[in-house]
């Protein structure tokens, strides 16, 4: 029997679903600053569409896996956390010359951007036996 996912995993599932939705709509944005970031680079054109939708599907599957407490959520978590870290580092390296956010915004963005996937991975790993 699958146990309740709890409040925190429920919030994470909703956050990842919103992230997936964000990826799905990025190719349709008229704002040139709203693009999918792949290996630190801002995508455009067909690459933006394909990569945003591929990652949108992956993150939507992850959100569903957390929501439904499925075993396949854990391998996605193991993939996604290092991906976020690498993508964040490469984005900083490739785009360091432009306007920079304040230190507080930068630290907050990194803390949330890495903290949520890390916490989700830890929680899924601890509750691995409960995943169906």
C-alpha atoms as a PDB file:
ATOM      1  CA  UNK A   1       0.000   0.000   0.000  1.00  0.00           C
ATOM      2  CA  UNK A   2       1.326   3.421  -0.979  1.00  0.00           C
ATOM      3  CA  UNK A   3       1.527   5.853   1.915  1.00  0.00           C
ATOM      4  CA  UNK A   4       0.615   9.522   1.720  1.00  0.00           C
ATOM      5  CA  UNK A   5       3.325  11.644   0.149  1.00  0.00           C
ATOM      6  CA  UNK A   6       2.925  14.322   2.838  1.00  0.00           C
ATOM      7  CA  UNK A   7       2.829  18.089   2.615  1.00  0.00           C
ATOM      8  CA  UNK A   8       6.431  18.678   1.539  1.00  0.00           C
ATOM      9  CA  UNK A   9       6.434  16.173  -1.319  1.00  0.00           C
ATOM     10  CA  UNK A  10       3.027  17.501  -2.385  1.00  0.00           C
ATOM     11  CA  UNK A  11       4.482  21.011  -2.572  1.00  0.00           C
ATOM     12  CA  UNK A  12       7.492  19.714  -4.507  1.00  0.00           C
ATOM     13  CA  UNK A  13       5.231  17.879  -6.980  1.00  0.00           C
ATOM     14  CA  UNK A  14       3.271  21.091  -7.563  1.00  0.00           C
ATOM     15  CA  UNK A  15       6.466  23.139  -7.965  1.00  0.00           C
ATOM     16  CA  UNK A  16       7.870  20.670 -10.493  1.00  0.00           C
ATOM     17  CA  UNK A  17       4.547  20.654 -12.378  1.00  0.00           C
ATOM     18  CA  UNK A  18       4.747  24.448 -12.583  1.00  0.00           C
ATOM     19  CA  UNK A  19       8.347  24.181 -13.794  1.00  0.00           C
ATOM     20  CA  UNK A  20       7.256  21.733 -16.489  1.00  0.00           C
ATOM     21  CA  UNK A  21       4.509  24.135 -17.554  1.00  0.00           C
ATOM     22  CA  UNK A  22       7.077  26.935 -17.668  1.00  0.00           C
ATOM     23  CA  UNK A  23       9.274  24.844 -19.967  1.00  0.00           C
ATOM     24  CA  UNK A  24       6.336  24.087 -22.254  1.00  0.00           C
ATOM     25  CA  UNK A  25       5.463  27.765 -22.733  1.00  0.00           C
ATOM     26  CA  UNK A  26       9.018  29.161 -23.102  1.00  0.00           C
ATOM     27  CA  UNK A  27       9.182  28.582 -26.873  1.00  0.00           C
ATOM     28  CA  UNK A  28       6.036  30.658 -27.321  1.00  0.00           C
ATOM     29  CA  UNK A  29       7.209  33.691 -25.345  1.00  0.00           C
ATOM     30  CA  UNK A  30       7.758  36.958 -27.196  1.00  0.00           C
ATOM     31  CA  UNK A  31      10.290  38.034 -24.570  1.00  0.00           C
ATOM     32  CA  UNK A  32      13.802  37.299 -25.928  1.00  0.00           C
ATOM     33  CA  UNK A  33      15.014  36.783 -22.349  1.00  0.00           C
ATOM     34  CA  UNK A  34      12.587  33.907 -21.805  1.00  0.00           C
ATOM     35  CA  UNK A  35      14.336  30.904 -23.321  1.00  0.00           C
ATOM     36  CA  UNK A  36      15.356  27.442 -22.243  1.00  0.00           C
ATOM     37  CA  UNK A  37      18.862  27.285 -20.759  1.00  0.00           C
ATOM     38  CA  UNK A  38      20.852  24.254 -21.908  1.00  0.00           C
ATOM     39  CA  UNK A  39      24.394  23.702 -20.627  1.00  0.00           C
ATOM     40  CA  UNK A  40      24.474  27.342 -19.600  1.00  0.00           C
ATOM     41  CA  UNK A  41      23.466  28.705 -23.000  1.00  0.00           C
ATOM     42  CA  UNK A  42      20.240  30.429 -23.936  1.00  0.00           C
ATOM     43  CA  UNK A  43      18.504  28.455 -26.664  1.00  0.00           C
ATOM     44  CA  UNK A  44      16.596  29.886 -29.597  1.00  0.00           C
ATOM     45  CA  UNK A  45      14.597  28.625 -32.557  1.00  0.00           C
ATOM     46  CA  UNK A  46      14.073  24.898 -32.979  1.00  0.00           C
ATOM     47  CA  UNK A  47      16.604  24.014 -30.256  1.00  0.00           C
ATOM     48  CA  UNK A  48      14.647  26.121 -27.770  1.00  0.00           C
ATOM     49  CA  UNK A  49      11.400  24.368 -28.692  1.00  0.00           C
ATOM     50  CA  UNK A  50      12.785  20.817 -28.713  1.00  0.00           C
ATOM     51  CA  UNK A  51      14.869  21.080 -25.535  1.00  0.00           C
ATOM     52  CA  UNK A  52      12.227  22.998 -23.590  1.00  0.00           C
ATOM     53  CA  UNK A  53       9.602  20.398 -24.479  1.00  0.00           C
ATOM     54  CA  UNK A  54      11.920  17.435 -23.797  1.00  0.00           C
ATOM     55  CA  UNK A  55      12.766  18.761 -20.351  1.00  0.00           C
ATOM     56  CA  UNK A  56       9.136  19.787 -19.848  1.00  0.00           C
ATOM     57  CA  UNK A  57       8.072  16.184 -20.421  1.00  0.00           C
ATOM     58  CA  UNK A  58      10.818  14.894 -18.099  1.00  0.00           C
ATOM     59  CA  UNK A  59       9.897  17.326 -15.322  1.00  0.00           C
ATOM     60  CA  UNK A  60       6.171  16.633 -15.785  1.00  0.00           C
ATOM     61  CA  UNK A  61       6.925  12.914 -15.393  1.00  0.00           C
ATOM     62  CA  UNK A  62       8.967  13.736 -12.287  1.00  0.00           C
ATOM     63  CA  UNK A  63       6.101  15.796 -10.830  1.00  0.00           C
ATOM     64  CA  UNK A  64       3.666  12.954 -11.507  1.00  0.00           C
ATOM     65  CA  UNK A  65       6.107  10.426 -10.032  1.00  0.00           C
ATOM     66  CA  UNK A  66       6.335  12.426  -6.820  1.00  0.00           C
ATOM     67  CA  UNK A  67       2.567  13.025  -6.728  1.00  0.00           C
ATOM     68  CA  UNK A  68       1.775   9.334  -7.228  1.00  0.00           C
ATOM     69  CA  UNK A  69       4.758   8.119  -5.153  1.00  0.00           C
ATOM     70  CA  UNK A  70       6.190   6.087  -8.042  1.00  0.00           C
ATOM     71  CA  UNK A  71       9.610   4.454  -8.083  1.00  0.00           C
ATOM     72  CA  UNK A  72      10.574   6.086 -11.381  1.00  0.00           C
ATOM     73  CA  UNK A  73      10.678   9.489  -9.640  1.00  0.00           C
ATOM     74  CA  UNK A  74      13.899   8.562  -7.849  1.00  0.00           C
ATOM     75  CA  UNK A  75      16.089   8.016 -10.952  1.00  0.00           C
ATOM     76  CA  UNK A  76      14.749  11.279 -12.370  1.00  0.00           C
ATOM     77  CA  UNK A  77      15.736  12.987  -9.112  1.00  0.00           C
ATOM     78  CA  UNK A  78      19.249  11.509  -9.367  1.00  0.00           C
ATOM     79  CA  UNK A  79      19.536  12.861 -12.923  1.00  0.00           C
ATOM     80  CA  UNK A  80      17.909  16.227 -12.322  1.00  0.00           C
ATOM     81  CA  UNK A  81      19.922  17.452  -9.319  1.00  0.00           C
ATOM     82  CA  UNK A  82      23.367  17.198 -10.993  1.00  0.00           C
ATOM     83  CA  UNK A  83      21.849  18.632 -14.167  1.00  0.00           C
ATOM     84  CA  UNK A  84      20.648  21.717 -12.280  1.00  0.00           C
ATOM     85  CA  UNK A  85      24.048  22.174 -10.637  1.00  0.00           C
ATOM     86  CA  UNK A  86      25.973  21.849 -13.917  1.00  0.00           C
ATOM     87  CA  UNK A  87      23.526  24.082 -15.785  1.00  0.00           C
ATOM     88  CA  UNK A  88      23.713  26.736 -13.040  1.00  0.00           C
ATOM     89  CA  UNK A  89      27.517  26.749 -13.019  1.00  0.00           C
ATOM     90  CA  UNK A  90      27.775  26.869 -16.807  1.00  0.00           C
ATOM     91  CA  UNK A  91      25.179  29.645 -17.009  1.00  0.00           C
ATOM     92  CA  UNK A  92      27.236  31.716 -14.563  1.00  0.00           C
ATOM     93  CA  UNK A  93      30.403  31.107 -16.568  1.00  0.00           C
ATOM     94  CA  UNK A  94      28.854  31.808 -19.975  1.00  0.00           C
ATOM     95  CA  UNK A  95      26.781  34.809 -18.946  1.00  0.00           C
ATOM     96  CA  UNK A  96      28.942  36.438 -16.287  1.00  0.00           C
ATOM     97  CA  UNK A  97      29.713  39.608 -18.238  1.00  0.00           C
ATOM     98  CA  UNK A  98      26.220  41.063 -18.406  1.00  0.00           C
ATOM     99  CA  UNK A  99      24.091  42.744 -15.792  1.00  0.00           C
ATOM    100  CA  UNK A 100      24.188  40.827 -12.544  1.00  0.00           C
ATOM    101  CA  UNK A 101      21.364  40.476 -10.012  1.00  0.00           C
ATOM    102  CA  UNK A 102      21.908  41.637  -6.460  1.00  0.00           C
ATOM    103  CA  UNK A 103      23.786  39.252  -4.187  1.00  0.00           C
ATOM    104  CA  UNK A 104      20.603  38.493  -2.238  1.00  0.00           C
ATOM    105  CA  UNK A 105      18.677  37.582  -5.402  1.00  0.00           C
ATOM    106  CA  UNK A 106      21.573  35.494  -6.728  1.00  0.00           C
ATOM    107  CA  UNK A 107      21.945  33.574  -3.455  1.00  0.00           C
ATOM    108  CA  UNK A 108      18.173  33.102  -3.151  1.00  0.00           C
ATOM    109  CA  UNK A 109      17.878  31.851  -6.729  1.00  0.00           C
ATOM    110  CA  UNK A 110      20.713  29.379  -6.283  1.00  0.00           C
ATOM    111  CA  UNK A 111      19.401  28.213  -2.908  1.00  0.00           C
ATOM    112  CA  UNK A 112      15.932  27.550  -4.300  1.00  0.00           C
ATOM    113  CA  UNK A 113      17.161  26.255  -7.663  1.00  0.00           C
ATOM    114  CA  UNK A 114      19.425  23.672  -6.068  1.00  0.00           C
ATOM    115  CA  UNK A 115      17.734  23.313  -2.679  1.00  0.00           C
ATOM    116  CA  UNK A 116      14.355  22.131  -3.959  1.00  0.00           C
ATOM    117  CA  UNK A 117      15.750  19.361  -6.209  1.00  0.00           C
ATOM    118  CA  UNK A 118      18.174  18.346  -3.442  1.00  0.00           C
ATOM    119  CA  UNK A 119      15.449  18.220  -0.793  1.00  0.00           C
ATOM    120  CA  UNK A 120      13.134  16.303  -3.143  1.00  0.00           C
ATOM    121  CA  UNK A 121      15.887  13.762  -3.838  1.00  0.00           C
ATOM    122  CA  UNK A 122      16.629  13.339  -0.134  1.00  0.00           C
ATOM    123  CA  UNK A 123      12.965  12.900   0.744  1.00  0.00           C
ATOM    124  CA  UNK A 124      12.346  10.419  -2.072  1.00  0.00           C
ATOM    125  CA  UNK A 125      15.469   8.479  -1.110  1.00  0.00           C
ATOM    126  CA  UNK A 126      14.377   8.301   2.532  1.00  0.00           C
ATOM    127  CA  UNK A 127      10.939   7.098   1.511  1.00  0.00           C
ATOM    128  CA  UNK A 128      12.160   4.777  -1.243  1.00  0.00           C
ATOM    129  CA  UNK A 129      10.504   1.726   0.346  1.00  0.00           C
ATOM    130  CA  UNK A 130       7.127   3.476   0.123  1.00  0.00           C
ATOM    131  CA  UNK A 131       7.349   4.152  -3.614  1.00  0.00           C
ATOM    132  CA  UNK A 132       5.152   1.934  -5.776  1.00  0.00           C
END
